Amino acid sequence: MTEHTNPSEASTSGIIVTCLYVVAGLSVVAGVLVSIAWLLQSPREEGVTLEAWAHSAESLMFGVVAACLLWSAAWIIRRREEATISQRRMLRVLLNLHHHDESPSPAAAEHSSRAAGEADVMPRVLRQLTELNANVLLSDAERQEKRRKMKAELAETLSNDIESALLDRRYDDAGDLLPRLKEVAPNHERLVVFHSQVETGQEEQVRELISGQVRRASDLMSVSRYEEAVEVAEQLRRTYPRSREADELLTRVQREAATYHTERRSRLFAIIQEHSQARQWKQALAGAHKLLETYAESDEAEKVRAMMPTFVDNARIQEVRELRDRIVELMERHRYAEALPLVRQVVENFPETAAAEELRPQLLRLQELARSEKNHDEKDET
């Protein structure tokens, strides 16, 4: 909604100012005429008396004073009218800017949004215009005193906010407010104290955070989660590169992690050797895969890679033997249906072995025996 200057109000003010100027001019003319009249009414033979001169001067002075008062009133009315027009222009510009920032929407929504925006903007604009109007009418000394009081109030507010933030241990918020307080009140009595409290509080918070991360890393190491402990220490070191505690934590975690992994590699390799010596090839192969997956670049991994072909071949032989022994056991117990899938597994998965060559000719006979066993079981059930 755009506000326009009311033409009737503007014309009325202009008429009043014009009338005041005219009346002021008439007052001067009237004063001059009355003054001359006082001088002319004296008899010619007696000349102008002192009393006539006094009345003439009084009349002239009265006309001039009345004219000055009328001119002053006209000047004040004109200044107020100019100030009002300027305020209305400023209000119109602010409202136009506000309307320009509103996003386009349908007609009904736009009207509702515009009304809500004006309701929010108008009080602030009016307060600013009232403040501007008041400042225009103040003298320089009064304006300086007003600015001094405003700065004092702002400094008091900032001081209270900083103190509240310090009490709540919000040291970063307090630190953000300090430059503003220093700008408003460079000689504030508590500025130095606030700086000291903020620095002390921030240092204490940093120590608490570092201590918490050190405890967390220690807890992770206690359950052998060294990778996570290293990540915690490295992140702490990046956050606080000048912290001695962060350096010491990273060094300790890296050292203990290296010791842990060295011991684990040695233990895994020893277990692999134990299984190999006991000819437990399947267990040795499983341990070898685990070591290669976990420590692929270690010296132990290089040794295991050289032993892998032996582990693979012997593990296959061990598995075939275990399957063959199981098949023999089942067939001795006449459990042909259970033995049949194991025979197929040997023939299909280990075709090159002696066990596969031995069992392959027996596969058809074993299938017949399995069917007979199944039919026999069905008859027993009926």
Protein backbone atom coordinates (compact mmCIF):
# COMPACT_ATOMS: atom_id res chain seq x y z
CA MET A 1 0.00 0.00 0.00
CA THR A 2 1.60 3.26 -1.11
CA GLU A 3 0.98 6.37 0.95
CA HIS A 4 0.55 9.68 -0.94
CA THR A 5 0.63 13.25 0.38
CA ASN A 6 -2.89 14.58 0.88
CA PRO A 7 -3.35 17.51 -1.55
CA SER A 8 -5.88 19.23 0.71
CA GLU A 9 -3.43 19.15 3.64
CA ALA A 10 -0.60 20.50 1.45
CA SER A 11 -2.77 23.29 0.01
CA THR A 12 -4.06 24.25 3.47
CA SER A 13 -0.55 24.54 4.86
CA GLY A 14 0.53 26.61 1.84
CA ILE A 15 -2.44 28.96 2.26
CA ILE A 16 -1.68 29.44 5.95
CA VAL A 17 1.99 30.20 5.24
CA THR A 18 1.04 32.65 2.47
CA CYS A 19 -1.49 34.38 4.72
CA LEU A 20 1.09 34.70 7.50
CA TYR A 21 3.59 36.25 5.09
CA VAL A 22 0.94 38.69 3.82
CA VAL A 23 -0.17 39.62 7.33
CA ALA A 24 3.47 40.10 8.33
CA GLY A 25 3.98 42.43 5.39
CA LEU A 26 0.78 44.31 6.26
CA SER A 27 1.99 44.59 9.86
CA VAL A 28 5.17 46.31 8.70
CA VAL A 29 3.20 48.60 6.39
CA ALA A 30 0.72 49.38 9.14
CA GLY A 31 3.52 50.14 11.55
CA VAL A 32 5.13 52.51 9.05
CA LEU A 33 1.84 54.23 8.29
CA VAL A 34 0.92 54.65 11.96
CA SER A 35 4.42 55.97 12.65
CA ILE A 36 4.08 58.54 9.87
CA ALA A 37 0.62 59.46 11.10
CA TRP A 38 2.00 60.24 14.56
CA LEU A 39 4.56 62.51 13.01
CA LEU A 40 2.08 64.27 10.70
CA GLN A 41 -0.54 64.99 13.35
CA SER A 42 1.79 67.41 15.20
CA PRO A 43 1.09 71.15 14.50
CA ARG A 44 3.49 72.66 11.97
CA GLU A 45 4.18 75.75 14.03
CA GLU A 46 5.21 73.73 17.05
CA GLY A 47 7.20 71.07 15.10
CA VAL A 48 7.39 67.41 15.91
CA THR A 49 7.32 66.89 19.63
CA LEU A 50 9.30 64.28 21.55
CA GLU A 51 6.08 62.50 22.46
CA ALA A 52 5.15 62.22 18.78
CA TRP A 53 8.55 60.76 18.00
CA ALA A 54 8.14 58.20 20.81
CA HIS A 55 4.69 57.10 19.61
CA SER A 56 5.96 56.94 16.04
CA ALA A 57 8.90 54.72 17.08
CA GLU A 58 6.59 52.51 19.16
CA SER A 59 4.23 52.04 16.24
CA LEU A 60 7.07 51.19 13.87
CA MET A 61 8.64 48.79 16.39
CA PHE A 62 5.27 47.10 17.06
CA GLY A 63 4.73 46.56 13.33
CA VAL A 64 8.22 45.12 12.84
CA VAL A 65 7.95 42.80 15.90
CA ALA A 66 4.52 41.58 14.81
CA ALA A 67 5.89 40.92 11.32
CA CYS A 68 8.87 38.98 12.73
CA LEU A 69 6.58 36.82 14.86
CA LEU A 70 4.33 36.09 11.90
CA TRP A 71 7.32 35.32 9.66
CA SER A 72 8.70 32.95 12.35
CA ALA A 73 5.38 31.13 12.61
CA ALA A 74 5.23 30.78 8.83
CA TRP A 75 8.83 29.47 8.74
CA ILE A 76 8.08 26.88 11.46
CA ILE A 77 4.93 25.71 9.68
CA ARG A 78 6.84 25.44 6.42
CA ARG A 79 9.68 23.43 8.03
CA ARG A 80 7.22 21.04 9.64
CA GLU A 81 5.45 20.60 6.34
CA GLU A 82 8.76 19.84 4.57
CA ALA A 83 9.70 17.33 7.31
CA THR A 84 6.31 15.63 6.98
CA ILE A 85 6.67 15.38 3.21
CA SER A 86 10.20 13.91 3.58
CA GLN A 87 8.95 11.36 6.09
CA ARG A 88 6.15 10.30 3.80
CA ARG A 89 8.55 9.95 0.89
CA MET A 90 10.86 7.80 3.02
CA LEU A 91 7.92 5.66 4.12
CA ARG A 92 6.80 5.24 0.52
CA VAL A 93 10.33 4.16 -0.56
CA LEU A 94 10.62 1.66 2.31
CA LEU A 95 7.23 0.16 1.55
CA ASN A 96 8.04 -0.08 -2.16
CA LEU A 97 11.30 -1.87 -1.34
CA HIS A 98 9.43 -4.26 0.93
CA HIS A 99 6.85 -4.99 -1.74
CA HIS A 100 9.59 -5.53 -4.33
CA ASP A 101 11.18 -8.27 -2.16
CA GLU A 102 7.91 -10.22 -1.83
CA SER A 103 7.74 -13.33 -4.01
CA PRO A 104 5.00 -13.43 -6.66
CA SER A 105 1.86 -15.38 -5.71
CA PRO A 106 -1.83 -15.54 -6.66
CA ALA A 107 -3.94 -12.43 -6.09
CA ALA A 108 -5.54 -13.47 -2.80
CA ALA A 109 -2.31 -14.81 -1.31
CA GLU A 110 -0.42 -11.72 -2.47
CA HIS A 111 -2.93 -9.43 -0.80
CA SER A 112 -2.76 -11.38 2.47
CA SER A 113 1.05 -11.53 2.42
CA ARG A 114 1.31 -7.83 1.63
CA ALA A 115 -1.02 -6.91 4.47
CA ALA A 116 0.97 -9.06 6.92
CA GLY A 117 4.24 -7.53 5.71
CA GLU A 118 2.93 -4.01 6.12
CA ALA A 119 1.65 -4.81 9.60
CA ASP A 120 5.16 -5.94 10.53
CA VAL A 121 7.05 -3.14 8.77
CA MET A 122 4.84 -0.18 9.70
CA PRO A 123 5.61 -0.09 13.46
CA ARG A 124 9.36 -0.17 12.79
CA VAL A 125 9.14 2.48 10.12
CA LEU A 126 7.03 4.74 12.31
CA ARG A 127 9.49 4.38 15.18
CA GLN A 128 12.34 5.33 12.86
CA LEU A 129 10.44 8.32 11.49
CA THR A 130 9.52 9.46 15.00
CA GLU A 131 13.16 9.22 16.00
CA LEU A 132 14.21 11.14 12.89
CA ASN A 133 11.61 13.82 13.53
CA ALA A 134 12.75 14.18 17.13
CA ASN A 135 16.40 14.47 16.10
CA VAL A 136 15.58 17.20 13.58
CA LEU A 137 14.12 19.38 16.32
CA LEU A 138 17.05 18.82 18.72
CA SER A 139 20.09 21.07 18.96
CA ASP A 140 23.62 19.75 18.38
CA ALA A 141 24.30 19.55 22.10
CA GLU A 142 21.05 17.73 22.73
CA ARG A 143 21.74 15.27 19.90
CA GLN A 144 25.22 14.56 21.28
CA GLU A 145 23.79 13.99 24.75
CA LYS A 146 21.17 11.67 23.31
CA ARG A 147 23.82 9.67 21.41
CA ARG A 148 25.89 9.45 24.59
CA LYS A 149 22.93 8.07 26.54
CA MET A 150 22.10 5.59 23.76
CA LYS A 151 25.70 4.34 23.73
CA ALA A 152 25.64 4.02 27.51
CA GLU A 153 22.41 2.00 27.37
CA LEU A 154 23.79 -0.20 24.59
CA ALA A 155 27.01 -0.75 26.52
CA GLU A 156 25.00 -1.75 29.60
CA THR A 157 22.93 -4.18 27.54
CA LEU A 158 26.03 -5.72 25.96
CA SER A 159 27.69 -5.97 29.37
CA ASN A 160 24.66 -7.82 30.77
CA ASP A 161 24.57 -10.16 27.77
CA ILE A 162 28.27 -10.95 28.13
CA GLU A 163 27.89 -11.59 31.84
CA SER A 164 24.91 -13.88 31.22
CA ALA A 165 26.86 -15.82 28.56
CA LEU A 166 29.79 -16.22 30.96
CA LEU A 167 27.49 -17.54 33.68
CA ASP A 168 26.04 -20.06 31.21
CA ARG A 169 29.56 -21.08 30.09
CA ARG A 170 28.82 -19.84 26.57
CA TYR A 171 32.31 -18.42 26.20
CA ASP A 172 32.26 -18.28 22.40
CA ASP A 173 29.07 -16.17 22.46
CA ALA A 174 30.64 -13.86 25.04
CA GLY A 175 33.76 -13.56 22.87
CA ASP A 176 31.61 -12.57 19.88
CA LEU A 177 30.03 -9.73 21.89
CA LEU A 178 33.32 -8.29 23.19
CA PRO A 179 34.35 -6.47 19.96
CA ARG A 180 30.95 -4.77 19.86
CA LEU A 181 31.29 -3.64 23.48
CA LYS A 182 34.81 -2.37 22.79
CA GLU A 183 33.52 -0.41 19.81
CA VAL A 184 30.65 1.16 21.74
CA ALA A 185 32.54 1.76 25.00
CA PRO A 186 36.34 1.50 24.53
CA ASN A 187 36.93 2.50 28.17
CA HIS A 188 34.30 0.26 29.73
CA GLU A 189 35.30 -0.63 33.29
CA ARG A 190 34.70 -4.38 32.86
CA LEU A 191 36.12 -4.82 29.39
CA VAL A 192 39.49 -6.15 30.61
CA VAL A 193 37.78 -8.47 33.11
CA PHE A 194 35.49 -9.83 30.42
CA HIS A 195 38.46 -10.52 28.13
CA SER A 196 40.23 -12.41 30.89
CA GLN A 197 37.13 -14.44 31.79
CA VAL A 198 36.46 -15.35 28.15
CA GLU A 199 40.05 -16.47 27.55
CA THR A 200 40.12 -18.47 30.78
CA GLY A 201 36.75 -20.09 30.04
CA GLN A 202 37.68 -20.99 26.47
CA GLU A 203 40.95 -22.53 27.62
CA GLU A 204 39.08 -24.53 30.27
CA GLN A 205 36.58 -25.77 27.70
CA VAL A 206 39.42 -26.80 25.39
CA ARG A 207 41.08 -28.72 28.23
CA GLU A 208 37.81 -30.45 29.06
CA LEU A 209 37.23 -31.37 25.42
CA ILE A 210 40.77 -32.70 25.04
CA SER A 211 40.45 -34.70 28.26
CA GLY A 212 37.18 -36.18 27.03
CA GLN A 213 38.74 -37.22 23.72
CA VAL A 214 41.74 -38.72 25.53
CA ARG A 215 39.38 -40.80 27.67
CA ARG A 216 37.43 -41.87 24.60
CA ALA A 217 40.59 -42.96 22.80
CA SER A 218 41.71 -44.89 25.89
CA ASP A 219 38.35 -46.66 26.08
CA LEU A 220 38.58 -47.64 22.42
CA MET A 221 42.08 -49.00 22.88
CA SER A 222 40.98 -51.02 25.90
CA VAL A 223 38.65 -53.02 23.63
CA SER A 224 41.24 -53.25 20.81
CA ARG A 225 39.46 -50.76 18.53
CA TYR A 226 42.71 -49.09 17.56
CA GLU A 227 41.58 -47.81 14.16
CA GLU A 228 38.83 -45.74 15.77
CA ALA A 229 41.21 -44.58 18.50
CA VAL A 230 43.66 -43.37 15.84
CA GLU A 231 40.86 -41.46 14.07
CA VAL A 232 39.90 -39.75 17.34
CA ALA A 233 43.51 -38.76 18.04
CA GLU A 234 44.09 -37.49 14.49
CA GLN A 235 40.90 -35.42 14.54
CA LEU A 236 41.89 -33.91 17.89
CA ARG A 237 45.33 -33.11 16.50
CA ARG A 238 43.81 -31.36 13.46
CA THR A 239 41.43 -29.36 15.66
CA TYR A 240 44.12 -28.28 18.16
CA PRO A 241 47.45 -28.42 16.31
CA ARG A 242 49.29 -26.59 19.12
CA SER A 243 48.02 -28.78 21.93
CA ARG A 244 50.69 -30.82 23.71
CA GLU A 245 48.02 -33.25 25.00
CA ALA A 246 46.80 -33.87 21.42
CA ASP A 247 50.35 -34.59 20.26
CA GLU A 248 50.98 -36.96 23.14
CA LEU A 249 47.68 -38.78 22.58
CA LEU A 250 48.34 -39.29 18.87
CA THR A 251 51.85 -40.56 19.56
CA ARG A 252 50.63 -42.96 22.26
CA VAL A 253 47.74 -44.29 20.17
CA GLN A 254 49.93 -44.84 17.13
CA ARG A 255 52.56 -46.59 19.22
CA GLU A 256 50.08 -48.89 20.97
CA ALA A 257 48.25 -49.58 17.70
CA ALA A 258 51.51 -50.56 16.03
CA THR A 259 52.39 -52.84 18.96
CA TYR A 260 48.91 -54.40 18.89
CA HIS A 261 49.01 -55.10 15.15
CA THR A 262 52.54 -56.47 15.35
CA GLU A 263 51.53 -58.88 18.09
CA ARG A 264 48.36 -59.85 16.22
CA ARG A 265 50.25 -60.56 12.99
CA SER A 266 52.76 -62.68 14.88
CA ARG A 267 49.97 -64.54 16.66
CA LEU A 268 48.08 -65.25 13.43
CA PHE A 269 51.25 -66.46 11.72
CA ALA A 270 52.08 -68.69 14.69
CA ILE A 271 48.58 -70.22 14.59
CA ILE A 272 48.97 -70.89 10.86
CA GLN A 273 52.27 -72.64 11.50
CA GLU A 274 50.75 -74.70 14.30
CA HIS A 275 47.92 -75.91 12.04
CA SER A 276 50.39 -76.64 9.27
CA GLN A 277 52.62 -78.67 11.52
CA ALA A 278 49.57 -80.59 12.80
CA ARG A 279 48.53 -81.16 9.16
CA GLN A 280 45.27 -79.34 9.81
CA TRP A 281 45.29 -77.84 6.34
CA LYS A 282 41.77 -76.42 6.29
CA GLN A 283 42.38 -74.48 9.50
CA ALA A 284 45.77 -73.33 8.22
CA LEU A 285 44.16 -72.12 4.96
CA ALA A 286 41.45 -70.19 6.84
CA GLY A 287 44.10 -68.51 9.00
CA ALA A 288 46.14 -67.64 5.92
CA HIS A 289 43.16 -65.94 4.26
CA LYS A 290 42.48 -63.94 7.43
CA LEU A 291 46.09 -62.76 7.68
CA LEU A 292 46.19 -61.76 4.00
CA GLU A 293 42.94 -59.82 4.29
CA THR A 294 44.04 -57.98 7.42
CA TYR A 295 47.77 -57.43 6.85
CA ALA A 296 48.29 -57.74 3.12
CA GLU A 297 51.48 -55.62 3.09
CA SER A 298 53.27 -57.28 6.03
CA ASP A 299 56.29 -59.58 6.00
CA GLU A 300 54.13 -62.35 7.42
CA ALA A 301 51.77 -61.98 4.45
CA GLU A 302 54.65 -62.49 2.02
CA LYS A 303 55.61 -65.72 3.76
CA VAL A 304 52.01 -66.94 3.75
CA ARG A 305 51.62 -66.24 0.03
CA ALA A 306 54.54 -68.52 -0.63
CA MET A 307 52.85 -71.27 1.41
CA MET A 308 49.36 -70.82 -0.08
CA PRO A 309 49.63 -73.44 -2.89
CA THR A 310 50.55 -76.09 -0.33
CA PHE A 311 47.70 -75.04 1.94
CA VAL A 312 45.17 -75.11 -0.92
CA ASP A 313 46.20 -78.51 -2.25
CA ASN A 314 46.42 -80.15 1.14
CA ALA A 315 43.16 -78.55 2.30
CA ARG A 316 41.38 -80.04 -0.75
CA ILE A 317 42.90 -83.45 -0.04
CA GLN A 318 41.86 -83.15 3.62
CA GLU A 319 38.29 -82.21 2.68
CA VAL A 320 38.04 -85.13 0.19
CA ARG A 321 39.29 -87.52 2.83
CA GLU A 322 36.77 -86.25 5.35
CA LEU A 323 33.97 -86.62 2.79
CA ARG A 324 35.14 -90.12 1.84
CA ASP A 325 35.29 -91.21 5.46
CA ARG A 326 31.79 -89.87 6.01
CA ILE A 327 30.49 -91.69 2.90
CA VAL A 328 32.02 -94.98 4.02
CA GLU A 329 30.46 -94.57 7.46
CA LEU A 330 27.00 -93.89 6.01
CA MET A 331 27.16 -96.77 3.56
CA GLU A 332 28.21 -99.17 6.33
CA ARG A 333 25.08 -98.08 8.16
CA HIS A 334 23.00 -98.52 4.97
CA ARG A 335 22.06 -94.83 4.92
CA TYR A 336 22.42 -94.55 1.15
CA ALA A 337 20.14 -91.55 0.72
CA GLU A 338 22.42 -89.46 2.97
CA ALA A 339 25.58 -90.76 1.33
CA LEU A 340 24.39 -89.99 -2.25
CA PRO A 341 24.74 -86.14 -2.14
CA LEU A 342 28.19 -86.48 -0.55
CA VAL A 343 29.31 -88.81 -3.40
CA ARG A 344 28.02 -86.30 -5.96
CA GLN A 345 29.88 -83.51 -4.15
CA VAL A 346 33.17 -85.44 -4.36
CA VAL A 347 32.69 -86.33 -8.02
CA GLU A 348 31.67 -82.80 -9.08
CA ASN A 349 34.00 -80.69 -6.88
CA PHE A 350 37.08 -82.91 -6.80
CA PRO A 351 37.03 -84.80 -10.14
CA GLU A 352 40.83 -85.14 -10.30
CA THR A 353 41.20 -86.95 -6.99
CA ALA A 354 41.55 -90.70 -6.44
CA ALA A 355 38.42 -90.67 -4.28
CA ALA A 356 36.39 -89.26 -7.19
CA GLU A 357 37.78 -91.94 -9.53
CA GLU A 358 36.85 -94.60 -6.99
CA LEU A 359 33.31 -93.33 -6.30
CA ARG A 360 32.26 -92.39 -9.85
CA PRO A 361 31.55 -96.00 -11.01
CA GLN A 362 29.52 -96.63 -7.86
CA LEU A 363 27.24 -93.61 -8.38
CA LEU A 364 24.49 -95.46 -10.35
CA ARG A 365 24.45 -98.37 -7.92
CA LEU A 366 24.25 -95.94 -5.00
CA GLN A 367 21.28 -94.16 -6.63
CA GLU A 368 19.41 -97.48 -6.91
CA LEU A 369 20.18 -98.31 -3.31
CA ALA A 370 18.97 -94.86 -2.23
CA ARG A 371 15.67 -95.37 -4.13
CA SER A 372 15.23 -98.80 -2.60
CA GLU A 373 15.88 -97.37 0.84
CA LYS A 374 13.31 -94.65 0.23
CA ASN A 375 10.66 -97.15 -0.97
CA HIS A 376 11.36 -99.36 1.99
CA ASP A 377 10.96 -96.50 4.38
CA GLU A 378 7.65 -95.49 2.75
CA LYS A 379 6.30 -99.06 3.11
CA ASP A 380 7.31 -99.11 6.75
CA GLU A 381 5.44 -95.86 7.32
CA THR A 382 2.25 -97.24 5.72
